[in-house]
């Protein structure tokens, strides 16, 4: 099983911005109910797309500079990066079908 990796702001450049390939970043918070709802769906997508997609989680409460840099205003925010560049964003909990089409 390929669970999303929790990364800190100091690892963001290495894990996301300098990563060659596709990365899905979940900006979340422990107190956020929609974040809790989408967490198991992220695990499903991480498994299904494990050869083509890296999935990471960023704790919004610990990463205010990243939230400002990428204009994250709501949680959860899912941001898709290709070769370190953000290419798509979704805010709020979304159903599994929509999540699958977002990352594919």
PDB file of N, CA and C in Angstrom:
ATOM      1  N   UNK A   1       0.837  -1.193   0.000  1.00  0.00           N
ATOM      2  CA  UNK A   1       0.000   0.000   0.000  1.00  0.00           C
ATOM      3  C   UNK A   1       0.873   1.245   0.000  1.00  0.00           C
ATOM      4  N   UNK A   2       0.539   2.194  -0.813  1.00  0.00           N
ATOM      5  CA  UNK A   2       1.340   3.390  -1.009  1.00  0.00           C
ATOM      6  C   UNK A   2       0.638   4.593  -0.380  1.00  0.00           C
ATOM      7  N   UNK A   3       0.891   4.838   0.885  1.00  0.00           N
ATOM      8  CA  UNK A   3       0.252   5.955   1.576  1.00  0.00           C
ATOM      9  C   UNK A   3       0.915   7.276   1.217  1.00  0.00           C
ATOM     10  N   UNK A   4       0.132   8.360   1.228  1.00  0.00           N
ATOM     11  CA  UNK A   4       0.726   9.670   1.009  1.00  0.00           C
ATOM     12  C   UNK A   4       1.780   9.955   2.086  1.00  0.00           C
ATOM     13  N   UNK A   5       2.863  10.594   1.697  1.00  0.00           N
ATOM     14  CA  UNK A   5       3.954  10.920   2.596  1.00  0.00           C
ATOM     15  C   UNK A   5       3.745  12.309   3.178  1.00  0.00           C
ATOM     16  N   UNK A   6       3.865  12.426   4.484  1.00  0.00           N
ATOM     17  CA  UNK A   6       3.782  13.731   5.127  1.00  0.00           C
ATOM     18  C   UNK A   6       5.143  14.406   5.004  1.00  0.00           C
ATOM     19  N   UNK A   7       5.148  15.612   4.431  1.00  0.00           N
ATOM     20  CA  UNK A   7       6.414  16.341   4.301  1.00  0.00           C
ATOM     21  C   UNK A   7       6.292  17.700   4.986  1.00  0.00           C
ATOM     22  N   UNK A   8       7.435  18.214   5.400  1.00  0.00           N
ATOM     23  CA  UNK A   8       7.481  19.530   6.026  1.00  0.00           C
ATOM     24  C   UNK A   8       7.895  20.566   4.985  1.00  0.00           C
ATOM     25  N   UNK A   9       7.729  21.820   5.347  1.00  0.00           N
ATOM     26  CA  UNK A   9       8.042  22.904   4.413  1.00  0.00           C
ATOM     27  C   UNK A   9       9.495  22.849   3.938  1.00  0.00           C
ATOM     28  N   UNK A  10      10.405  22.442   4.825  1.00  0.00           N
ATOM     29  CA  UNK A  10      11.813  22.403   4.423  1.00  0.00           C
ATOM     30  C   UNK A  10      12.124  21.264   3.450  1.00  0.00           C
ATOM     31  N   UNK A  11      11.234  20.298   3.324  1.00  0.00           N
ATOM     32  CA  UNK A  11      11.414  19.199   2.365  1.00  0.00           C
ATOM     33  C   UNK A  11      10.646  19.445   1.061  1.00  0.00           C
ATOM     34  N   UNK A  12       9.847  20.505   1.016  1.00  0.00           N
ATOM     35  CA  UNK A  12       8.961  20.740  -0.122  1.00  0.00           C
ATOM     36  C   UNK A  12       9.736  20.914  -1.429  1.00  0.00           C
ATOM     37  N   UNK A  13      10.816  21.673  -1.391  1.00  0.00           N
ATOM     38  CA  UNK A  13      11.599  21.894  -2.617  1.00  0.00           C
ATOM     39  C   UNK A  13      12.138  20.576  -3.152  1.00  0.00           C
ATOM     40  N   UNK A  14      12.697  19.762  -2.271  1.00  0.00           N
ATOM     41  CA  UNK A  14      13.260  18.478  -2.691  1.00  0.00           C
ATOM     42  C   UNK A  14      12.190  17.518  -3.187  1.00  0.00           C
ATOM     43  N   UNK A  15      11.112  17.399  -2.423  1.00  0.00           N
ATOM     44  CA  UNK A  15      10.088  16.390  -2.703  1.00  0.00           C
ATOM     45  C   UNK A  15       9.121  16.785  -3.818  1.00  0.00           C
ATOM     46  N   UNK A  16       8.907  18.088  -4.010  1.00  0.00           N
ATOM     47  CA  UNK A  16       7.884  18.531  -4.974  1.00  0.00           C
ATOM     48  C   UNK A  16       8.484  19.409  -6.072  1.00  0.00           C
ATOM     49  N   UNK A  17       9.081  20.524  -5.700  1.00  0.00           N
ATOM     50  CA  UNK A  17       9.531  21.495  -6.697  1.00  0.00           C
ATOM     51  C   UNK A  17      10.680  20.972  -7.563  1.00  0.00           C
ATOM     52  N   UNK A  18      11.516  20.097  -7.023  1.00  0.00           N
ATOM     53  CA  UNK A  18      12.628  19.546  -7.798  1.00  0.00           C
ATOM     54  C   UNK A  18      12.361  18.125  -8.282  1.00  0.00           C
ATOM     55  N   UNK A  19      11.144  17.645  -8.081  1.00  0.00           N
ATOM     56  CA  UNK A  19      10.788  16.281  -8.483  1.00  0.00           C
ATOM     57  C   UNK A  19      10.431  16.246  -9.971  1.00  0.00           C
ATOM     58  N   UNK A  20      11.021  15.308 -10.682  1.00  0.00           N
ATOM     59  CA  UNK A  20      10.669  15.110 -12.081  1.00  0.00           C
ATOM     60  C   UNK A  20       9.534  14.105 -12.121  1.00  0.00           C
ATOM     61  N   UNK A  21       8.420  14.521 -12.686  1.00  0.00           N
ATOM     62  CA  UNK A  21       7.241  13.667 -12.726  1.00  0.00           C
ATOM     63  C   UNK A  21       6.053  14.406 -12.140  1.00  0.00           C
ATOM     64  N   UNK A  22       5.014  13.648 -11.801  1.00  0.00           N
ATOM     65  CA  UNK A  22       3.764  14.224 -11.322  1.00  0.00           C
ATOM     66  C   UNK A  22       3.655  14.015  -9.812  1.00  0.00           C
ATOM     67  N   UNK A  23       3.337  15.100  -9.114  1.00  0.00           N
ATOM     68  CA  UNK A  23       3.161  15.056  -7.663  1.00  0.00           C
ATOM     69  C   UNK A  23       1.823  15.675  -7.306  1.00  0.00           C
ATOM     70  N   UNK A  24       1.062  14.989  -6.463  1.00  0.00           N
ATOM     71  CA  UNK A  24      -0.177  15.532  -5.915  1.00  0.00           C
ATOM     72  C   UNK A  24       0.112  15.955  -4.483  1.00  0.00           C
ATOM     73  N   UNK A  25      -0.115  17.237  -4.193  1.00  0.00           N
ATOM     74  CA  UNK A  25       0.109  17.763  -2.853  1.00  0.00           C
ATOM     75  C   UNK A  25      -1.252  18.021  -2.206  1.00  0.00           C
ATOM     76  N   UNK A  26      -1.434  17.457  -1.010  1.00  0.00           N
ATOM     77  CA  UNK A  26      -2.638  17.681  -0.216  1.00  0.00           C
ATOM     78  C   UNK A  26      -2.284  18.633   0.916  1.00  0.00           C
ATOM     79  N   UNK A  27      -2.739  19.878   0.808  1.00  0.00           N
ATOM     80  CA  UNK A  27      -2.590  20.833   1.904  1.00  0.00           C
ATOM     81  C   UNK A  27      -3.774  20.595   2.835  1.00  0.00           C
ATOM     82  N   UNK A  28      -3.503  20.188   4.060  1.00  0.00           N
ATOM     83  CA  UNK A  28      -4.570  19.780   4.981  1.00  0.00           C
ATOM     84  C   UNK A  28      -4.280  20.317   6.386  1.00  0.00           C
ATOM     85  N   UNK A  29      -5.242  20.111   7.292  1.00  0.00           N
ATOM     86  CA  UNK A  29      -5.041  20.393   8.717  1.00  0.00           C
ATOM     87  C   UNK A  29      -5.781  19.322   9.514  1.00  0.00           C
ATOM     88  N   UNK A  30      -5.254  18.995  10.683  1.00  0.00           N
ATOM     89  CA  UNK A  30      -5.864  17.957  11.520  1.00  0.00           C
ATOM     90  C   UNK A  30      -7.281  18.306  11.958  1.00  0.00           C
ATOM     91  N   UNK A  31      -7.584  19.582  12.109  1.00  0.00           N
ATOM     92  CA  UNK A  31      -8.895  20.021  12.574  1.00  0.00           C
ATOM     93  C   UNK A  31      -9.923  20.130  11.442  1.00  0.00           C
ATOM     94  N   UNK A  32      -9.501  19.927  10.219  1.00  0.00           N
ATOM     95  CA  UNK A  32     -10.344  20.130   9.033  1.00  0.00           C
ATOM     96  C   UNK A  32     -11.146  18.863   8.715  1.00  0.00           C
ATOM     97  N   UNK A  33     -12.467  18.932   8.874  1.00  0.00           N
ATOM     98  CA  UNK A  33     -13.316  17.760   8.618  1.00  0.00           C
ATOM     99  C   UNK A  33     -13.281  17.300   7.152  1.00  0.00           C
ATOM    100  N   UNK A  34     -13.394  18.213   6.163  1.00  0.00           N
ATOM    101  CA  UNK A  34     -13.289  17.761   4.766  1.00  0.00           C
ATOM    102  C   UNK A  34     -11.936  17.100   4.468  1.00  0.00           C
ATOM    103  N   UNK A  35     -10.884  17.556   5.159  1.00  0.00           N
ATOM    104  CA  UNK A  35      -9.558  16.943   4.982  1.00  0.00           C
ATOM    105  C   UNK A  35      -9.594  15.481   5.437  1.00  0.00           C
ATOM    106  N   UNK A  36     -10.274  15.227   6.556  1.00  0.00           N
ATOM    107  CA  UNK A  36     -10.394  13.866   7.072  1.00  0.00           C
ATOM    108  C   UNK A  36     -11.211  12.993   6.116  1.00  0.00           C
ATOM    109  N   UNK A  37     -12.217  13.602   5.478  1.00  0.00           N
ATOM    110  CA  UNK A  37     -13.067  12.858   4.542  1.00  0.00           C
ATOM    111  C   UNK A  37     -12.297  12.425   3.296  1.00  0.00           C
ATOM    112  N   UNK A  38     -11.401  13.262   2.828  1.00  0.00           N
ATOM    113  CA  UNK A  38     -10.694  12.965   1.574  1.00  0.00           C
ATOM    114  C   UNK A  38      -9.453  12.094   1.790  1.00  0.00           C
ATOM    115  N   UNK A  39      -8.950  12.030   3.019  1.00  0.00           N
ATOM    116  CA  UNK A  39      -7.714  11.276   3.294  1.00  0.00           C
ATOM    117  C   UNK A  39      -7.748   9.833   2.791  1.00  0.00           C
ATOM    118  N   UNK A  40      -8.821   9.049   3.059  1.00  0.00           N
ATOM    119  CA  UNK A  40      -8.817   7.672   2.544  1.00  0.00           C
ATOM    120  C   UNK A  40      -8.863   7.606   1.017  1.00  0.00           C
ATOM    121  N   UNK A  41      -9.453   8.601   0.382  1.00  0.00           N
ATOM    122  CA  UNK A  41      -9.505   8.617  -1.088  1.00  0.00           C
ATOM    123  C   UNK A  41      -8.116   8.874  -1.663  1.00  0.00           C
ATOM    124  N   UNK A  42      -7.339   9.688  -0.968  1.00  0.00           N
ATOM    125  CA  UNK A  42      -5.958   9.939  -1.410  1.00  0.00           C
ATOM    126  C   UNK A  42      -5.132   8.664  -1.344  1.00  0.00           C
ATOM    127  N   UNK A  43      -5.399   7.827  -0.330  1.00  0.00           N
ATOM    128  CA  UNK A  43      -4.694   6.552  -0.227  1.00  0.00           C
ATOM    129  C   UNK A  43      -5.048   5.643  -1.400  1.00  0.00           C
ATOM    130  N   UNK A  44      -6.321   5.631  -1.783  1.00  0.00           N
ATOM    131  CA  UNK A  44      -6.764   4.825  -2.928  1.00  0.00           C
ATOM    132  C   UNK A  44      -6.054   5.288  -4.200  1.00  0.00           C
ATOM    133  N   UNK A  45      -6.039   6.590  -4.427  1.00  0.00           N
ATOM    134  CA  UNK A  45      -5.403   7.151  -5.624  1.00  0.00           C
ATOM    135  C   UNK A  45      -3.891   6.904  -5.596  1.00  0.00           C
ATOM    136  N   UNK A  46      -3.277   7.043  -4.413  1.00  0.00           N
ATOM    137  CA  UNK A  46      -1.839   6.774  -4.291  1.00  0.00           C
ATOM    138  C   UNK A  46      -1.526   5.342  -4.698  1.00  0.00           C
ATOM    139  N   UNK A  47      -2.397   4.404  -4.322  1.00  0.00           N
ATOM    140  CA  UNK A  47      -2.221   3.002  -4.702  1.00  0.00           C
ATOM    141  C   UNK A  47      -2.434   2.791  -6.201  1.00  0.00           C
ATOM    142  N   UNK A  48      -3.540   3.315  -6.693  1.00  0.00           N
ATOM    143  CA  UNK A  48      -3.913   3.080  -8.091  1.00  0.00           C
ATOM    144  C   UNK A  48      -2.915   3.689  -9.078  1.00  0.00           C
ATOM    145  N   UNK A  49      -2.339   4.817  -8.715  1.00  0.00           N
ATOM    146  CA  UNK A  49      -1.455   5.538  -9.630  1.00  0.00           C
ATOM    147  C   UNK A  49      -0.002   5.528  -9.152  1.00  0.00           C
ATOM    148  N   UNK A  50       0.365   4.549  -8.300  1.00  0.00           N
ATOM    149  CA  UNK A  50       1.670   4.594  -7.642  1.00  0.00           C
ATOM    150  C   UNK A  50       2.859   4.637  -8.605  1.00  0.00           C
ATOM    151  N   UNK A  51       2.723   4.100  -9.806  1.00  0.00           N
ATOM    152  CA  UNK A  51       3.831   4.131 -10.763  1.00  0.00           C
ATOM    153  C   UNK A  51       3.980   5.487 -11.448  1.00  0.00           C
ATOM    154  N   UNK A  52       2.907   6.278 -11.461  1.00  0.00           N
ATOM    155  CA  UNK A  52       2.909   7.524 -12.218  1.00  0.00           C
ATOM    156  C   UNK A  52       2.739   8.773 -11.366  1.00  0.00           C
ATOM    157  N   UNK A  53       2.446   8.592 -10.074  1.00  0.00           N
ATOM    158  CA  UNK A  53       2.058   9.724  -9.245  1.00  0.00           C
ATOM    159  C   UNK A  53       2.657   9.608  -7.853  1.00  0.00           C
ATOM    160  N   UNK A  54       3.263  10.694  -7.412  1.00  0.00           N
ATOM    161  CA  UNK A  54       3.759  10.785  -6.038  1.00  0.00           C
ATOM    162  C   UNK A  54       2.725  11.609  -5.267  1.00  0.00           C
ATOM    163  N   UNK A  55       2.297  11.120  -4.104  1.00  0.00           N
ATOM    164  CA  UNK A  55       1.294  11.826  -3.299  1.00  0.00           C
ATOM    165  C   UNK A  55       1.928  12.226  -1.974  1.00  0.00           C
ATOM    166  N   UNK A  56       1.872  13.529  -1.675  1.00  0.00           N
ATOM    167  CA  UNK A  56       2.417  14.035  -0.418  1.00  0.00           C
ATOM    168  C   UNK A  56       1.375  14.895   0.291  1.00  0.00           C
ATOM    169  N   UNK A  57       1.516  14.983   1.608  1.00  0.00           N
ATOM    170  CA  UNK A  57       0.625  15.800   2.429  1.00  0.00           C
ATOM    171  C   UNK A  57       1.448  16.877   3.118  1.00  0.00           C
ATOM    172  N   UNK A  58       0.884  18.088   3.196  1.00  0.00           N
ATOM    173  CA  UNK A  58       1.535  19.200   3.867  1.00  0.00           C
ATOM    174  C   UNK A  58       0.571  19.743   4.916  1.00  0.00           C
ATOM    175  N   UNK A  59       1.016  19.775   6.174  1.00  0.00           N
ATOM    176  CA  UNK A  59       0.201  20.304   7.272  1.00  0.00           C
ATOM    177  C   UNK A  59       0.153  21.828   7.150  1.00  0.00           C
ATOM    178  N   UNK A  60      -1.025  22.342   6.849  1.00  0.00           N
ATOM    179  CA  UNK A  60      -1.184  23.782   6.618  1.00  0.00           C
ATOM    180  C   UNK A  60      -0.808  24.605   7.842  1.00  0.00           C
ATOM    181  N   UNK A  61      -1.069  24.075   9.036  1.00  0.00           N
ATOM    182  CA  UNK A  61      -0.769  24.815  10.258  1.00  0.00           C
ATOM    183  C   UNK A  61       0.738  24.974  10.483  1.00  0.00           C
ATOM    184  N   UNK A  62       1.530  24.120   9.856  1.00  0.00           N
ATOM    185  CA  UNK A  62       2.986  24.164  10.024  1.00  0.00           C
ATOM    186  C   UNK A  62       3.693  24.796   8.818  1.00  0.00           C
ATOM    187  N   UNK A  63       2.933  25.213   7.809  1.00  0.00           N
ATOM    188  CA  UNK A  63       3.553  25.609   6.534  1.00  0.00           C
ATOM    189  C   UNK A  63       2.951  26.878   5.957  1.00  0.00           C
ATOM    190  N   UNK A  64       2.810  27.909   6.768  1.00  0.00           N
ATOM    191  CA  UNK A  64       2.147  29.136   6.307  1.00  0.00           C
ATOM    192  C   UNK A  64       2.858  29.770   5.107  1.00  0.00           C
ATOM    193  N   UNK A  65       4.194  29.634   5.044  1.00  0.00           N
ATOM    194  CA  UNK A  65       4.923  30.230   3.914  1.00  0.00           C
ATOM    195  C   UNK A  65       4.579  29.529   2.601  1.00  0.00           C
ATOM    196  N   UNK A  66       4.353  28.211   2.650  1.00  0.00           N
ATOM    197  CA  UNK A  66       3.946  27.491   1.432  1.00  0.00           C
ATOM    198  C   UNK A  66       2.526  27.867   1.033  1.00  0.00           C
ATOM    199  N   UNK A  67       1.644  28.029   2.009  1.00  0.00           N
ATOM    200  CA  UNK A  67       0.274  28.427   1.708  1.00  0.00           C
ATOM    201  C   UNK A  67       0.256  29.789   1.020  1.00  0.00           C
ATOM    202  N   UNK A  68       1.081  30.706   1.500  1.00  0.00           N
ATOM    203  CA  UNK A  68       1.165  32.032   0.878  1.00  0.00           C
ATOM    204  C   UNK A  68       1.760  31.938  -0.529  1.00  0.00           C
ATOM    205  N   UNK A  69       2.842  31.164  -0.670  1.00  0.00           N
ATOM    206  CA  UNK A  69       3.529  31.047  -1.957  1.00  0.00           C
ATOM    207  C   UNK A  69       2.605  30.506  -3.040  1.00  0.00           C
ATOM    208  N   UNK A  70       1.754  29.523  -2.673  1.00  0.00           N
ATOM    209  CA  UNK A  70       0.889  28.884  -3.668  1.00  0.00           C
ATOM    210  C   UNK A  70      -0.576  29.333  -3.564  1.00  0.00           C
ATOM    211  N   UNK A  71      -0.819  30.423  -2.852  1.00  0.00           N
ATOM    212  CA  UNK A  71      -2.152  31.029  -2.733  1.00  0.00           C
ATOM    213  C   UNK A  71      -3.209  30.035  -2.263  1.00  0.00           C
ATOM    214  N   UNK A  72      -2.864  29.232  -1.269  1.00  0.00           N
ATOM    215  CA  UNK A  72      -3.821  28.283  -0.693  1.00  0.00           C
ATOM    216  C   UNK A  72      -4.707  29.054   0.277  1.00  0.00           C
ATOM    217  N   UNK A  73      -6.021  29.066  -0.001  1.00  0.00           N
ATOM    218  CA  UNK A  73      -6.943  29.845   0.819  1.00  0.00           C
ATOM    219  C   UNK A  73      -7.996  28.984   1.503  1.00  0.00           C
ATOM    220  N   UNK A  74      -8.116  27.731   1.108  1.00  0.00           N
ATOM    221  CA  UNK A  74      -9.106  26.838   1.718  1.00  0.00           C
ATOM    222  C   UNK A  74      -8.506  25.461   1.885  1.00  0.00           C
ATOM    223  N   UNK A  75      -9.096  24.679   2.765  1.00  0.00           N
ATOM    224  CA  UNK A  75      -8.611  23.322   3.011  1.00  0.00           C
ATOM    225  C   UNK A  75      -9.744  22.327   2.848  1.00  0.00           C
ATOM    226  N   UNK A  76      -9.456  21.159   2.350  1.00  0.00           N
ATOM    227  CA  UNK A  76      -8.177  20.784   1.769  1.00  0.00           C
ATOM    228  C   UNK A  76      -7.984  21.431   0.397  1.00  0.00           C
ATOM    229  N   UNK A  77      -6.747  21.697   0.067  1.00  0.00           N
ATOM    230  CA  UNK A  77      -6.399  22.123  -1.288  1.00  0.00           C
ATOM    231  C   UNK A  77      -5.505  21.040  -1.874  1.00  0.00           C
ATOM    232  N   UNK A  78      -5.909  20.533  -3.016  1.00  0.00           N
ATOM    233  CA  UNK A  78      -5.122  19.543  -3.753  1.00  0.00           C
ATOM    234  C   UNK A  78      -4.474  20.269  -4.914  1.00  0.00           C
ATOM    235  N   UNK A  79      -3.159  20.164  -4.994  1.00  0.00           N
ATOM    236  CA  UNK A  79      -2.428  20.842  -6.053  1.00  0.00           C
ATOM    237  C   UNK A  79      -1.594  19.814  -6.809  1.00  0.00           C
ATOM    238  N   UNK A  80      -1.761  19.808  -8.120  1.00  0.00           N
ATOM    239  CA  UNK A  80      -1.040  18.878  -8.979  1.00  0.00           C
ATOM    240  C   UNK A  80       0.165  19.601  -9.575  1.00  0.00           C
ATOM    241  N   UNK A  81       1.339  19.004  -9.382  1.00  0.00           N
ATOM    242  CA  UNK A  81       2.584  19.548  -9.918  1.00  0.00           C
ATOM    243  C   UNK A  81       3.111  18.603 -10.994  1.00  0.00           C
ATOM    244  N   UNK A  82       3.576  19.171 -12.099  1.00  0.00           N
ATOM    245  CA  UNK A  82       4.274  18.386 -13.128  1.00  0.00           C
ATOM    246  C   UNK A  82       5.668  18.960 -13.249  1.00  0.00           C
ATOM    247  N   UNK A  83       6.666  18.113 -12.997  1.00  0.00           N
ATOM    248  CA  UNK A  83       8.065  18.528 -13.021  1.00  0.00           C
ATOM    249  C   UNK A  83       8.291  19.780 -12.166  1.00  0.00           C
ATOM    250  N   UNK A  84       7.664  19.819 -10.994  1.00  0.00           N
ATOM    251  CA  UNK A  84       7.873  20.896 -10.039  1.00  0.00           C
ATOM    252  C   UNK A  84       7.044  22.145 -10.246  1.00  0.00           C
ATOM    253  N   UNK A  85       6.203  22.143 -11.272  1.00  0.00           N
ATOM    254  CA  UNK A  85       5.397  23.325 -11.592  1.00  0.00           C
ATOM    255  C   UNK A  85       3.924  23.024 -11.323  1.00  0.00           C
ATOM    256  N   UNK A  86       3.234  23.880 -10.548  1.00  0.00           N
ATOM    257  CA  UNK A  86       1.811  23.631 -10.299  1.00  0.00           C
ATOM    258  C   UNK A  86       1.001  23.810 -11.581  1.00  0.00           C
ATOM    259  N   UNK A  87       0.188  22.795 -11.890  1.00  0.00           N
ATOM    260  CA  UNK A  87      -0.579  22.832 -13.142  1.00  0.00           C
ATOM    261  C   UNK A  87      -2.090  22.801 -12.925  1.00  0.00           C
ATOM    262  N   UNK A  88      -2.539  22.399 -11.736  1.00  0.00           N
ATOM    263  CA  UNK A  88      -3.975  22.334 -11.476  1.00  0.00           C
ATOM    264  C   UNK A  88      -4.220  22.352  -9.972  1.00  0.00           C
ATOM    265  N   UNK A  89      -5.369  22.897  -9.582  1.00  0.00           N
ATOM    266  CA  UNK A  89      -5.727  22.991  -8.161  1.00  0.00           C
ATOM    267  C   UNK A  89      -7.201  22.686  -7.972  1.00  0.00           C
ATOM    268  N   UNK A  90      -7.507  21.970  -6.897  1.00  0.00           N
ATOM    269  CA  UNK A  90      -8.892  21.729  -6.473  1.00  0.00           C
ATOM    270  C   UNK A  90      -8.950  22.051  -4.987  1.00  0.00           C
ATOM    271  N   UNK A  91     -10.006  22.723  -4.580  1.00  0.00           N
ATOM    272  CA  UNK A  91     -10.186  23.030  -3.161  1.00  0.00           C
ATOM    273  C   UNK A  91     -11.461  22.370  -2.671  1.00  0.00           C
ATOM    274  N   UNK A  92     -11.360  21.763  -1.481  1.00  0.00           N
ATOM    275  CA  UNK A  92     -12.508  21.082  -0.886  1.00  0.00           C
ATOM    276  C   UNK A  92     -12.461  19.592  -1.144  1.00  0.00           C
ATOM    277  N   UNK A  93     -13.280  18.875  -0.380  1.00  0.00           N
ATOM    278  CA  UNK A  93     -13.359  17.423  -0.545  1.00  0.00           C
ATOM    279  C   UNK A  93     -14.081  17.123  -1.856  1.00  0.00           C
ATOM    280  N   UNK A  94     -13.528  16.200  -2.622  1.00  0.00           N
ATOM    281  CA  UNK A  94     -14.139  15.815  -3.887  1.00  0.00           C
ATOM    282  C   UNK A  94     -14.328  14.301  -3.888  1.00  0.00           C
ATOM    283  N   UNK A  95     -15.301  13.805  -4.657  1.00  0.00           N
ATOM    284  CA  UNK A  95     -15.510  12.357  -4.711  1.00  0.00           C
ATOM    285  C   UNK A  95     -14.356  11.644  -5.421  1.00  0.00           C
ATOM    286  N   UNK A  96     -14.236  10.347  -5.170  1.00  0.00           N
ATOM    287  CA  UNK A  96     -13.142   9.548  -5.716  1.00  0.00           C
ATOM    288  C   UNK A  96     -13.083   9.633  -7.239  1.00  0.00           C
ATOM    289  N   UNK A  97     -14.220   9.579  -7.901  1.00  0.00           N
ATOM    290  CA  UNK A  97     -14.243   9.645  -9.367  1.00  0.00           C
ATOM    291  C   UNK A  97     -13.617  10.945  -9.864  1.00  0.00           C
ATOM    292  N   UNK A  98     -13.950  12.050  -9.216  1.00  0.00           N
ATOM    293  CA  UNK A  98     -13.396  13.354  -9.612  1.00  0.00           C
ATOM    294  C   UNK A  98     -11.908  13.421  -9.290  1.00  0.00           C
ATOM    295  N   UNK A  99     -11.514  12.833  -8.181  1.00  0.00           N
ATOM    296  CA  UNK A  99     -10.096  12.797  -7.810  1.00  0.00           C
ATOM    297  C   UNK A  99      -9.288  12.002  -8.817  1.00  0.00           C
ATOM    298  N   UNK A 100      -9.828  10.860  -9.237  1.00  0.00           N
ATOM    299  CA  UNK A 100      -9.143  10.041 -10.249  1.00  0.00           C
ATOM    300  C   UNK A 100      -8.955  10.826 -11.548  1.00  0.00           C
ATOM    301  N   UNK A 101      -9.996  11.518 -11.991  1.00  0.00           N
ATOM    302  CA  UNK A 101      -9.855  12.250 -13.256  1.00  0.00           C
ATOM    303  C   UNK A 101      -8.941  13.475 -13.087  1.00  0.00           C
ATOM    304  N   UNK A 102      -8.882  14.039 -11.891  1.00  0.00           N
ATOM    305  CA  UNK A 102      -7.994  15.182 -11.614  1.00  0.00           C
ATOM    306  C   UNK A 102      -6.528  14.781 -11.775  1.00  0.00           C
ATOM    307  N   UNK A 103      -6.170  13.574 -11.324  1.00  0.00           N
ATOM    308  CA  UNK A 103      -4.762  13.172 -11.362  1.00  0.00           C
ATOM    309  C   UNK A 103      -4.370  12.443 -12.636  1.00  0.00           C
ATOM    310  N   UNK A 104      -5.339  12.059 -13.458  1.00  0.00           N
ATOM    311  CA  UNK A 104      -4.982  11.297 -14.658  1.00  0.00           C
ATOM    312  C   UNK A 104      -4.937  12.144 -15.904  1.00  0.00           C
TER     313      UNK A 104
END
